[in-house]
Structure formats: C-alpha cells, structure tokens
PDB file of N, CA and C in Angstrom:
ATOM      1  N   MET A   1     -63.523  90.428  40.512  1.00  0.00           N
ATOM      2  CA  MET A   1     -64.261  89.804  41.591  1.00  0.00           C
ATOM      3  C   MET A   1     -63.303  88.913  42.383  1.00  0.00           C
ATOM      4  N   PRO A   2     -63.332  88.981  43.701  1.00  0.00           N
ATOM      5  CA  PRO A   2     -62.452  88.147  44.523  1.00  0.00           C
ATOM      6  C   PRO A   2     -62.730  86.663  44.327  1.00  0.00           C
ATOM      7  N   ALA A   3     -61.843  85.836  44.837  1.00  0.00           N
ATOM      8  CA  ALA A   3     -61.938  84.391  44.647  1.00  0.00           C
ATOM      9  C   ALA A   3     -63.240  83.811  45.190  1.00  0.00           C
ATOM     10  N   ASP A   4     -63.793  84.396  46.238  1.00  0.00           N
ATOM     11  CA  ASP A   4     -65.034  83.853  46.794  1.00  0.00           C
ATOM     12  C   ASP A   4     -66.256  84.243  45.967  1.00  0.00           C
ATOM     13  N   GLY A   5     -66.048  85.004  44.897  1.00  0.00           N
ATOM     14  CA  GLY A   5     -67.131  85.355  43.992  1.00  0.00           C
ATOM     15  C   GLY A   5     -67.964  86.543  44.418  1.00  0.00           C
ATOM     16  N   ILE A   6     -67.562  87.217  45.478  1.00  0.00           N
ATOM     17  CA  ILE A   6     -68.316  88.361  45.984  1.00  0.00           C
ATOM     18  C   ILE A   6     -67.546  89.637  45.673  1.00  0.00           C
ATOM     19  N   PRO A   7     -68.170  90.561  44.942  1.00  0.00           N
ATOM     20  CA  PRO A   7     -67.503  91.837  44.680  1.00  0.00           C
ATOM     21  C   PRO A   7     -67.236  92.583  45.988  1.00  0.00           C
ATOM     22  N   GLU A   8     -66.234  93.408  45.980  1.00  0.00           N
ATOM     23  CA  GLU A   8     -65.865  94.179  47.176  1.00  0.00           C
ATOM     24  C   GLU A   8     -67.029  94.998  47.716  1.00  0.00           C
ATOM     25  N   THR A   9     -67.935  95.426  46.856  1.00  0.00           N
ATOM     26  CA  THR A   9     -69.073  96.223  47.323  1.00  0.00           C
ATOM     27  C   THR A   9     -70.026  95.412  48.200  1.00  0.00           C
ATOM     28  N   TYR A  10     -69.993  94.093  48.070  1.00  0.00           N
ATOM     29  CA  TYR A  10     -70.848  93.219  48.871  1.00  0.00           C
ATOM     30  C   TYR A  10     -70.125  92.675  50.103  1.00  0.00           C
ATOM     31  N   ALA A  11     -68.813  92.741  50.126  1.00  0.00           N
ATOM     32  CA  ALA A  11     -68.018  92.117  51.186  1.00  0.00           C
ATOM     33  C   ALA A  11     -68.390  92.594  52.599  1.00  0.00           C
ATOM     34  N   PRO A  12     -68.566  93.898  52.839  1.00  0.00           N
ATOM     35  CA  PRO A  12     -68.918  94.314  54.207  1.00  0.00           C
ATOM     36  C   PRO A  12     -70.251  93.721  54.684  1.00  0.00           C
ATOM     37  N   LEU A  13     -71.217  93.627  53.794  1.00  0.00           N
ATOM     38  CA  LEU A  13     -72.511  93.062  54.145  1.00  0.00           C
ATOM     39  C   LEU A  13     -72.365  91.580  54.491  1.00  0.00           C
ATOM     40  N   PHE A  14     -71.579  90.858  53.703  1.00  0.00           N
ATOM     41  CA  PHE A  14     -71.358  89.441  53.969  1.00  0.00           C
ATOM     42  C   PHE A  14     -70.583  89.247  55.274  1.00  0.00           C
ATOM     43  N   ARG A  15     -69.643  90.134  55.565  1.00  0.00           N
ATOM     44  CA  ARG A  15     -68.909  90.042  56.842  1.00  0.00           C
ATOM     45  C   ARG A  15     -69.861  90.256  58.013  1.00  0.00           C
ATOM     46  N   ARG A  16     -70.756  91.230  57.901  1.00  0.00           N
ATOM     47  CA  ARG A  16     -71.768  91.459  58.949  1.00  0.00           C
ATOM     48  C   ARG A  16     -72.581  90.194  59.172  1.00  0.00           C
ATOM     49  N   ALA A  17     -73.035  89.601  58.085  1.00  0.00           N
ATOM     50  CA  ALA A  17     -73.853  88.395  58.173  1.00  0.00           C
ATOM     51  C   ALA A  17     -73.073  87.259  58.825  1.00  0.00           C
ATOM     52  N   GLU A  18     -71.857  87.046  58.389  1.00  0.00           N
ATOM     53  CA  GLU A  18     -71.051  85.950  58.919  1.00  0.00           C
ATOM     54  C   GLU A  18     -70.741  86.138  60.396  1.00  0.00           C
ATOM     55  N   THR A  19     -70.625  87.371  60.827  1.00  0.00           N
ATOM     56  CA  THR A  19     -70.376  87.655  62.240  1.00  0.00           C
ATOM     57  C   THR A  19     -71.591  87.282  63.089  1.00  0.00           C
ATOM     58  N   LEU A  20     -72.783  87.491  62.552  1.00  0.00           N
ATOM     59  CA  LEU A  20     -74.008  87.217  63.298  1.00  0.00           C
ATOM     60  C   LEU A  20     -74.415  85.743  63.307  1.00  0.00           C
ATOM     61  N   LEU A  21     -74.018  84.994  62.294  1.00  0.00           N
ATOM     62  CA  LEU A  21     -74.513  83.624  62.128  1.00  0.00           C
ATOM     63  C   LEU A  21     -74.416  82.759  63.392  1.00  0.00           C
ATOM     64  N   PRO A  22     -73.306  82.757  64.103  1.00  0.00           N
ATOM     65  CA  PRO A  22     -73.217  81.866  65.274  1.00  0.00           C
ATOM     66  C   PRO A  22     -74.241  82.172  66.374  1.00  0.00           C
ATOM     67  N   ASP A  23     -74.735  83.395  66.424  1.00  0.00           N
ATOM     68  CA  ASP A  23     -75.661  83.803  67.485  1.00  0.00           C
ATOM     69  C   ASP A  23     -77.134  83.668  67.101  1.00  0.00           C
ATOM     70  N   LEU A  24     -77.410  83.254  65.884  1.00  0.00           N
ATOM     71  CA  LEU A  24     -78.790  83.185  65.407  1.00  0.00           C
ATOM     72  C   LEU A  24     -79.391  81.812  65.662  1.00  0.00           C
ATOM     73  N   ASP A  25     -80.725  81.791  65.789  1.00  0.00           N
ATOM     74  CA  ASP A  25     -81.367  80.478  65.886  1.00  0.00           C
ATOM     75  C   ASP A  25     -81.387  79.855  64.489  1.00  0.00           C
ATOM     76  N   GLU A  26     -81.773  78.614  64.409  1.00  0.00           N
ATOM     77  CA  GLU A  26     -81.669  77.860  63.154  1.00  0.00           C
ATOM     78  C   GLU A  26     -82.443  78.507  62.008  1.00  0.00           C
ATOM     79  N   ASP A  27     -83.669  78.959  62.269  1.00  0.00           N
ATOM     80  CA  ASP A  27     -84.472  79.565  61.204  1.00  0.00           C
ATOM     81  C   ASP A  27     -83.849  80.860  60.701  1.00  0.00           C
ATOM     82  N   GLU A  28     -83.396  81.694  61.617  1.00  0.00           N
ATOM     83  CA  GLU A  28     -82.754  82.958  61.233  1.00  0.00           C
ATOM     84  C   GLU A  28     -81.474  82.686  60.447  1.00  0.00           C
ATOM     85  N   ARG A  29     -80.686  81.741  60.933  1.00  0.00           N
ATOM     86  CA  ARG A  29     -79.422  81.389  60.261  1.00  0.00           C
ATOM     87  C   ARG A  29     -79.708  80.898  58.844  1.00  0.00           C
ATOM     88  N   ASN A  30     -80.709  80.023  58.706  1.00  0.00           N
ATOM     89  CA  ASN A  30     -81.056  79.503  57.378  1.00  0.00           C
ATOM     90  C   ASN A  30     -81.490  80.616  56.439  1.00  0.00           C
ATOM     91  N   GLU A  31     -82.272  81.569  56.948  1.00  0.00           N
ATOM     92  CA  GLU A  31     -82.711  82.691  56.116  1.00  0.00           C
ATOM     93  C   GLU A  31     -81.516  83.500  55.608  1.00  0.00           C
ATOM     94  N   ILE A  32     -80.584  83.797  56.500  1.00  0.00           N
ATOM     95  CA  ILE A  32     -79.416  84.596  56.126  1.00  0.00           C
ATOM     96  C   ILE A  32     -78.532  83.834  55.143  1.00  0.00           C
ATOM     97  N   VAL A  33     -78.287  82.566  55.417  1.00  0.00           N
ATOM     98  CA  VAL A  33     -77.460  81.747  54.521  1.00  0.00           C
ATOM     99  C   VAL A  33     -78.118  81.639  53.148  1.00  0.00           C
ATOM    100  N   ASP A  34     -79.431  81.463  53.125  1.00  0.00           N
ATOM    101  CA  ASP A  34     -80.143  81.384  51.841  1.00  0.00           C
ATOM    102  C   ASP A  34     -80.034  82.688  51.061  1.00  0.00           C
ATOM    103  N   LEU A  35     -80.197  83.811  51.744  1.00  0.00           N
ATOM    104  CA  LEU A  35     -80.067  85.108  51.059  1.00  0.00           C
ATOM    105  C   LEU A  35     -78.664  85.289  50.498  1.00  0.00           C
ATOM    106  N   MET A  36     -77.661  84.912  51.273  1.00  0.00           N
ATOM    107  CA  MET A  36     -76.282  85.031  50.797  1.00  0.00           C
ATOM    108  C   MET A  36     -76.069  84.153  49.556  1.00  0.00           C
ATOM    109  N   GLY A  37     -76.619  82.953  49.585  1.00  0.00           N
ATOM    110  CA  GLY A  37     -76.515  82.064  48.427  1.00  0.00           C
ATOM    111  C   GLY A  37     -77.243  82.613  47.219  1.00  0.00           C
ATOM    112  N   ASP A  38     -78.415  83.190  47.450  1.00  0.00           N
ATOM    113  CA  ASP A  38     -79.173  83.783  46.347  1.00  0.00           C
ATOM    114  C   ASP A  38     -78.423  84.955  45.723  1.00  0.00           C
ATOM    115  N   ILE A  39     -77.758  85.750  46.555  1.00  0.00           N
ATOM    116  CA  ILE A  39     -76.963  86.870  46.031  1.00  0.00           C
ATOM    117  C   ILE A  39     -75.819  86.333  45.182  1.00  0.00           C
ATOM    118  N   ARG A  40     -75.114  85.332  45.696  1.00  0.00           N
ATOM    119  CA  ARG A  40     -74.004  84.737  44.927  1.00  0.00           C
ATOM    120  C   ARG A  40     -74.490  84.227  43.568  1.00  0.00           C
ATOM    121  N   GLU A  41     -75.625  83.545  43.583  1.00  0.00           N
ATOM    122  CA  GLU A  41     -76.180  83.000  42.343  1.00  0.00           C
ATOM    123  C   GLU A  41     -76.545  84.117  41.369  1.00  0.00           C
ATOM    124  N   ALA A  42     -77.197  85.152  41.860  1.00  0.00           N
ATOM    125  CA  ALA A  42     -77.582  86.270  40.999  1.00  0.00           C
ATOM    126  C   ALA A  42     -76.342  86.927  40.393  1.00  0.00           C
ATOM    127  N   LEU A  43     -75.297  87.074  41.196  1.00  0.00           N
ATOM    128  CA  LEU A  43     -74.064  87.670  40.677  1.00  0.00           C
ATOM    129  C   LEU A  43     -73.411  86.780  39.620  1.00  0.00           C
ATOM    130  N   ARG A  44     -73.384  85.478  39.884  1.00  0.00           N
ATOM    131  CA  ARG A  44     -72.804  84.535  38.924  1.00  0.00           C
ATOM    132  C   ARG A  44     -73.547  84.572  37.596  1.00  0.00           C
ATOM    133  N   GLU A  45     -74.862  84.772  37.673  1.00  0.00           N
ATOM    134  CA  GLU A  45     -75.702  84.768  36.482  1.00  0.00           C
ATOM    135  C   GLU A  45     -75.887  86.166  35.889  1.00  0.00           C
ATOM    136  N   ASN A  46     -75.104  87.128  36.389  1.00  0.00           N
ATOM    137  CA  ASN A  46     -75.137  88.502  35.889  1.00  0.00           C
ATOM    138  C   ASN A  46     -76.523  89.131  35.978  1.00  0.00           C
ATOM    139  N   ARG A  47     -77.243  88.833  37.050  1.00  0.00           N
ATOM    140  CA  ARG A  47     -78.551  89.429  37.299  1.00  0.00           C
ATOM    141  C   ARG A  47     -78.378  90.524  38.352  1.00  0.00           C
ATOM    142  N   ALA A  48     -77.823  91.639  37.908  1.00  0.00           N
ATOM    143  CA  ALA A  48     -77.468  92.730  38.824  1.00  0.00           C
ATOM    144  C   ALA A  48     -78.678  93.265  39.582  1.00  0.00           C
ATOM    145  N   GLY A  49     -79.795  93.419  38.916  1.00  0.00           N
ATOM    146  CA  GLY A  49     -80.991  93.931  39.578  1.00  0.00           C
ATOM    147  C   GLY A  49     -81.465  93.017  40.692  1.00  0.00           C
ATOM    148  N   ASP A  50     -81.448  91.716  40.427  1.00  0.00           N
ATOM    149  CA  ASP A  50     -81.830  90.746  41.456  1.00  0.00           C
ATOM    150  C   ASP A  50     -80.839  90.775  42.610  1.00  0.00           C
ATOM    151  N   ALA A  51     -79.552  90.853  42.286  1.00  0.00           N
ATOM    152  CA  ALA A  51     -78.519  90.887  43.326  1.00  0.00           C
ATOM    153  C   ALA A  51     -78.713  92.100  44.232  1.00  0.00           C
ATOM    154  N   GLU A  52     -79.027  93.243  43.646  1.00  0.00           N
ATOM    155  CA  GLU A  52     -79.225  94.452  44.447  1.00  0.00           C
ATOM    156  C   GLU A  52     -80.474  94.350  45.314  1.00  0.00           C
ATOM    157  N   ALA A  53     -81.542  93.774  44.780  1.00  0.00           N
ATOM    158  CA  ALA A  53     -82.763  93.592  45.564  1.00  0.00           C
ATOM    159  C   ALA A  53     -82.513  92.649  46.734  1.00  0.00           C
ATOM    160  N   LEU A  54     -81.785  91.573  46.475  1.00  0.00           N
ATOM    161  CA  LEU A  54     -81.447  90.622  47.534  1.00  0.00           C
ATOM    162  C   LEU A  54     -80.499  91.246  48.552  1.00  0.00           C
ATOM    163  N   ARG A  55     -79.596  92.062  48.075  1.00  0.00           N
ATOM    164  CA  ARG A  55     -78.675  92.766  48.974  1.00  0.00           C
ATOM    165  C   ARG A  55     -79.457  93.659  49.945  1.00  0.00           C
ATOM    166  N   SER A  56     -80.451  94.350  49.431  1.00  0.00           N
ATOM    167  CA  SER A  56     -81.291  95.194  50.270  1.00  0.00           C
ATOM    168  C   SER A  56     -82.065  94.352  51.280  1.00  0.00           C
ATOM    169  N   GLU A  57     -82.570  93.224  50.839  1.00  0.00           N
ATOM    170  CA  GLU A  57     -83.310  92.319  51.725  1.00  0.00           C
ATOM    171  C   GLU A  57     -82.399  91.786  52.834  1.00  0.00           C
ATOM    172  N   LEU A  58     -81.173  91.415  52.476  1.00  0.00           N
ATOM    173  CA  LEU A  58     -80.215  90.935  53.475  1.00  0.00           C
ATOM    174  C   LEU A  58     -79.853  92.046  54.452  1.00  0.00           C
ATOM    175  N   ASP A  59     -79.638  93.240  53.944  1.00  0.00           N
ATOM    176  CA  ASP A  59     -79.314  94.371  54.807  1.00  0.00           C
ATOM    177  C   ASP A  59     -80.445  94.633  55.801  1.00  0.00           C
ATOM    178  N   ASP A  60     -81.681  94.592  55.331  1.00  0.00           N
ATOM    179  CA  ASP A  60     -82.834  94.794  56.211  1.00  0.00           C
ATOM    180  C   ASP A  60     -82.914  93.708  57.278  1.00  0.00           C
ATOM    181  N   ALA A  61     -82.701  92.455  56.875  1.00  0.00           N
ATOM    182  CA  ALA A  61     -82.757  91.344  57.826  1.00  0.00           C
ATOM    183  C   ALA A  61     -81.665  91.492  58.886  1.00  0.00           C
ATOM    184  N   LEU A  62     -80.471  91.875  58.466  1.00  0.00           N
ATOM    185  CA  LEU A  62     -79.373  92.047  59.418  1.00  0.00           C
ATOM    186  C   LEU A  62     -79.661  93.199  60.368  1.00  0.00           C
ATOM    187  N   PHE A  63     -80.216  94.270  59.843  1.00  0.00           N
ATOM    188  CA  PHE A  63     -80.572  95.415  60.690  1.00  0.00           C
ATOM    189  C   PHE A  63     -81.538  94.968  61.786  1.00  0.00           C
ATOM    190  N   TYR A  64     -82.537  94.202  61.400  1.00  0.00           N
ATOM    191  CA  TYR A  64     -83.522  93.685  62.356  1.00  0.00           C
ATOM    192  C   TYR A  64     -82.844  92.797  63.398  1.00  0.00           C
ATOM    193  N   LEU A  65     -81.989  91.887  62.928  1.00  0.00           N
ATOM    194  CA  LEU A  65     -81.350  90.922  63.824  1.00  0.00           C
ATOM    195  C   LEU A  65     -80.314  91.578  64.738  1.00  0.00           C
ATOM    196  N   GLU A  66     -79.680  92.633  64.277  1.00  0.00           N
ATOM    197  CA  GLU A  66     -78.684  93.337  65.084  1.00  0.00           C
ATOM    198  C   GLU A  66     -79.349  94.198  66.168  1.00  0.00           C
ATOM    199  N   GLY A  67     -80.587  94.588  65.914  1.00  0.00           N
ATOM    200  CA  GLY A  67     -81.282  95.514  66.797  1.00  0.00           C
ATOM    201  C   GLY A  67     -81.758  94.867  68.027  1.00  0.00           C
TER     202      GLY A  67
END
C-alpha cells in the first residue's frame, strides 16, 4: 500500500475526486471528502467489503457530479 494508505486500485478514483473538489459546492465537497475518509478507514481496518461498497458509492457520486 502506498504511503498515503490508498491501494493502487483506488488511486484513480481518488484522483478523480481530488480533481473535482475545487469546483464543488460545500455540501458536495463535504460528501466526497467524507466518502474518501470512510474508504481510508475501512481499508485501515481491513473491512474490504465496506471499502468496496464505499468505493462504488464514491464512483456513483463522481459520475453524477461530472455529468
């Protein structure tokens, strides 16, 4: 796992999120930041199923926000 604690399989999703953050309103930004934090926590606690569910939720939110 890289130093930031995010496996390479999650890195592209986190890069997408970080690219969008400056353009989001406060509520949207908070939602994305919270999801990213929840994923990090799930990974740290070895809760792979939770991490994958949160990853899907983040991907869906980004898809909506990018559209």
